[in-house]
Amino acid sequence: MSVAYVIQWKSKVNGRAGRGTKQFERREAEQLAEELNREYPDIEHEVVRALPQQEEEPQLEEEVTKPDEQVVVE
């Protein structure tokens, strides 16, 4: 069983933060985070280990606000 990772982000401008839902292998997640940090310097992206579905902590709507500029990676 492989460990999954997601991209977590935080705006340097307004402090909003969130966590992506798409899961990646570590290497792929690291590459994506580096790319996103270059393209969107006002948003800090980092790789974090994905929590299993049943253990995910509920998050307040304020904490899961998406950035104004959203990148969809498929």
C-alpha atoms as a PDB file:
ATOM      1  CA  MET A   1       0.000   0.000   0.000  1.00  0.00           C
ATOM      2  CA  SER A   2       1.454   3.350  -1.014  1.00  0.00           C
ATOM      3  CA  VAL A   3       1.292   6.499   1.086  1.00  0.00           C
ATOM      4  CA  ALA A   4      -0.665   9.347  -0.493  1.00  0.00           C
ATOM      5  CA  TYR A   5       0.101  13.053  -0.277  1.00  0.00           C
ATOM      6  CA  VAL A   6      -1.890  16.219  -0.964  1.00  0.00           C
ATOM      7  CA  ILE A   7      -1.003  19.864  -1.526  1.00  0.00           C
ATOM      8  CA  GLN A   8      -1.693  22.227   1.356  1.00  0.00           C
ATOM      9  CA  TRP A   9      -1.603  25.963   0.690  1.00  0.00           C
ATOM     10  CA  LYS A  10      -1.677  29.276   2.531  1.00  0.00           C
ATOM     11  CA  SER A  11      -2.034  32.778   1.111  1.00  0.00           C
ATOM     12  CA  LYS A  12       0.766  35.155   2.061  1.00  0.00           C
ATOM     13  CA  VAL A  13      -1.585  38.068   1.312  1.00  0.00           C
ATOM     14  CA  ASN A  14      -4.702  37.354   3.360  1.00  0.00           C
ATOM     15  CA  GLY A  15      -3.821  34.283   5.441  1.00  0.00           C
ATOM     16  CA  ARG A  16      -6.462  32.011   3.944  1.00  0.00           C
ATOM     17  CA  ALA A  17      -5.474  28.371   3.819  1.00  0.00           C
ATOM     18  CA  GLY A  18      -6.717  25.077   2.494  1.00  0.00           C
ATOM     19  CA  ARG A  19      -5.838  21.564   1.526  1.00  0.00           C
ATOM     20  CA  GLY A  20      -6.322  19.902  -1.829  1.00  0.00           C
ATOM     21  CA  THR A  21      -8.303  16.707  -2.164  1.00  0.00           C
ATOM     22  CA  LYS A  22      -6.447  15.097  -5.065  1.00  0.00           C
ATOM     23  CA  GLN A  23      -3.915  12.558  -3.836  1.00  0.00           C
ATOM     24  CA  PHE A  24      -0.442  12.103  -5.323  1.00  0.00           C
ATOM     25  CA  GLU A  25       2.648  10.024  -4.788  1.00  0.00           C
ATOM     26  CA  ARG A  26       5.270  12.000  -2.849  1.00  0.00           C
ATOM     27  CA  ARG A  27       7.547  12.749  -5.806  1.00  0.00           C
ATOM     28  CA  GLU A  28       4.677  13.964  -7.974  1.00  0.00           C
ATOM     29  CA  ALA A  29       3.287  16.117  -5.136  1.00  0.00           C
ATOM     30  CA  GLU A  30       6.701  17.709  -4.515  1.00  0.00           C
ATOM     31  CA  GLN A  31       7.091  18.580  -8.195  1.00  0.00           C
ATOM     32  CA  LEU A  32       3.613  20.095  -8.309  1.00  0.00           C
ATOM     33  CA  ALA A  33       4.158  22.134  -5.139  1.00  0.00           C
ATOM     34  CA  GLU A  34       7.411  23.547  -6.567  1.00  0.00           C
ATOM     35  CA  GLU A  35       5.646  24.462  -9.821  1.00  0.00           C
ATOM     36  CA  LEU A  36       2.734  26.099  -7.993  1.00  0.00           C
ATOM     37  CA  ASN A  37       5.107  28.089  -5.761  1.00  0.00           C
ATOM     38  CA  ARG A  38       6.861  29.448  -8.872  1.00  0.00           C
ATOM     39  CA  GLU A  39       3.610  30.307 -10.675  1.00  0.00           C
ATOM     40  CA  TYR A  40       1.813  31.742  -7.623  1.00  0.00           C
ATOM     41  CA  PRO A  41       4.421  33.383  -5.379  1.00  0.00           C
ATOM     42  CA  ASP A  42       1.760  34.905  -3.089  1.00  0.00           C
ATOM     43  CA  ILE A  43       0.535  31.436  -2.120  1.00  0.00           C
ATOM     44  CA  GLU A  44       2.771  28.999  -0.242  1.00  0.00           C
ATOM     45  CA  HIS A  45       2.212  25.369  -1.290  1.00  0.00           C
ATOM     46  CA  GLU A  46       3.569  22.397   0.630  1.00  0.00           C
ATOM     47  CA  VAL A  47       3.285  18.632   0.512  1.00  0.00           C
ATOM     48  CA  VAL A  48       1.534  16.918   3.418  1.00  0.00           C
ATOM     49  CA  ARG A  49       0.585  13.342   4.039  1.00  0.00           C
ATOM     50  CA  ALA A  50      -3.053  12.652   3.193  1.00  0.00           C
ATOM     51  CA  LEU A  51      -5.236  11.532   6.059  1.00  0.00           C
ATOM     52  CA  PRO A  52      -7.362   8.413   5.608  1.00  0.00           C
ATOM     53  CA  GLN A  53     -10.983   9.292   4.782  1.00  0.00           C
ATOM     54  CA  GLN A  54     -12.393   8.226   8.144  1.00  0.00           C
ATOM     55  CA  GLU A  55      -9.778  10.217  10.096  1.00  0.00           C
ATOM     56  CA  GLU A  56     -10.081  13.550   8.295  1.00  0.00           C
ATOM     57  CA  GLU A  57     -10.771  16.408  10.646  1.00  0.00           C
ATOM     58  CA  PRO A  58     -13.806  18.525   9.866  1.00  0.00           C
ATOM     59  CA  GLN A  59     -12.754  21.984   8.728  1.00  0.00           C
ATOM     60  CA  LEU A  60     -14.605  25.236   9.052  1.00  0.00           C
ATOM     61  CA  GLU A  61     -15.710  26.829   5.800  1.00  0.00           C
ATOM     62  CA  GLU A  62     -13.490  29.854   6.512  1.00  0.00           C
ATOM     63  CA  GLU A  63     -10.402  27.640   6.665  1.00  0.00           C
ATOM     64  CA  VAL A  64     -11.094  25.900   3.368  1.00  0.00           C
ATOM     65  CA  THR A  65     -11.456  28.956   1.162  1.00  0.00           C
ATOM     66  CA  LYS A  66      -9.955  28.469  -2.274  1.00  0.00           C
ATOM     67  CA  PRO A  67      -7.465  30.986  -3.658  1.00  0.00           C
ATOM     68  CA  ASP A  68      -8.591  33.522  -6.260  1.00  0.00           C
ATOM     69  CA  GLU A  69      -6.328  31.851  -8.778  1.00  0.00           C
ATOM     70  CA  GLN A  70      -6.983  28.132  -8.885  1.00  0.00           C
ATOM     71  CA  VAL A  71      -4.976  25.617 -10.878  1.00  0.00           C
ATOM     72  CA  VAL A  72      -6.592  22.352 -11.909  1.00  0.00           C
ATOM     73  CA  VAL A  73      -4.074  19.583 -12.492  1.00  0.00           C
ATOM     74  CA  GLU A  74      -5.279  16.369 -14.052  1.00  0.00           C
END
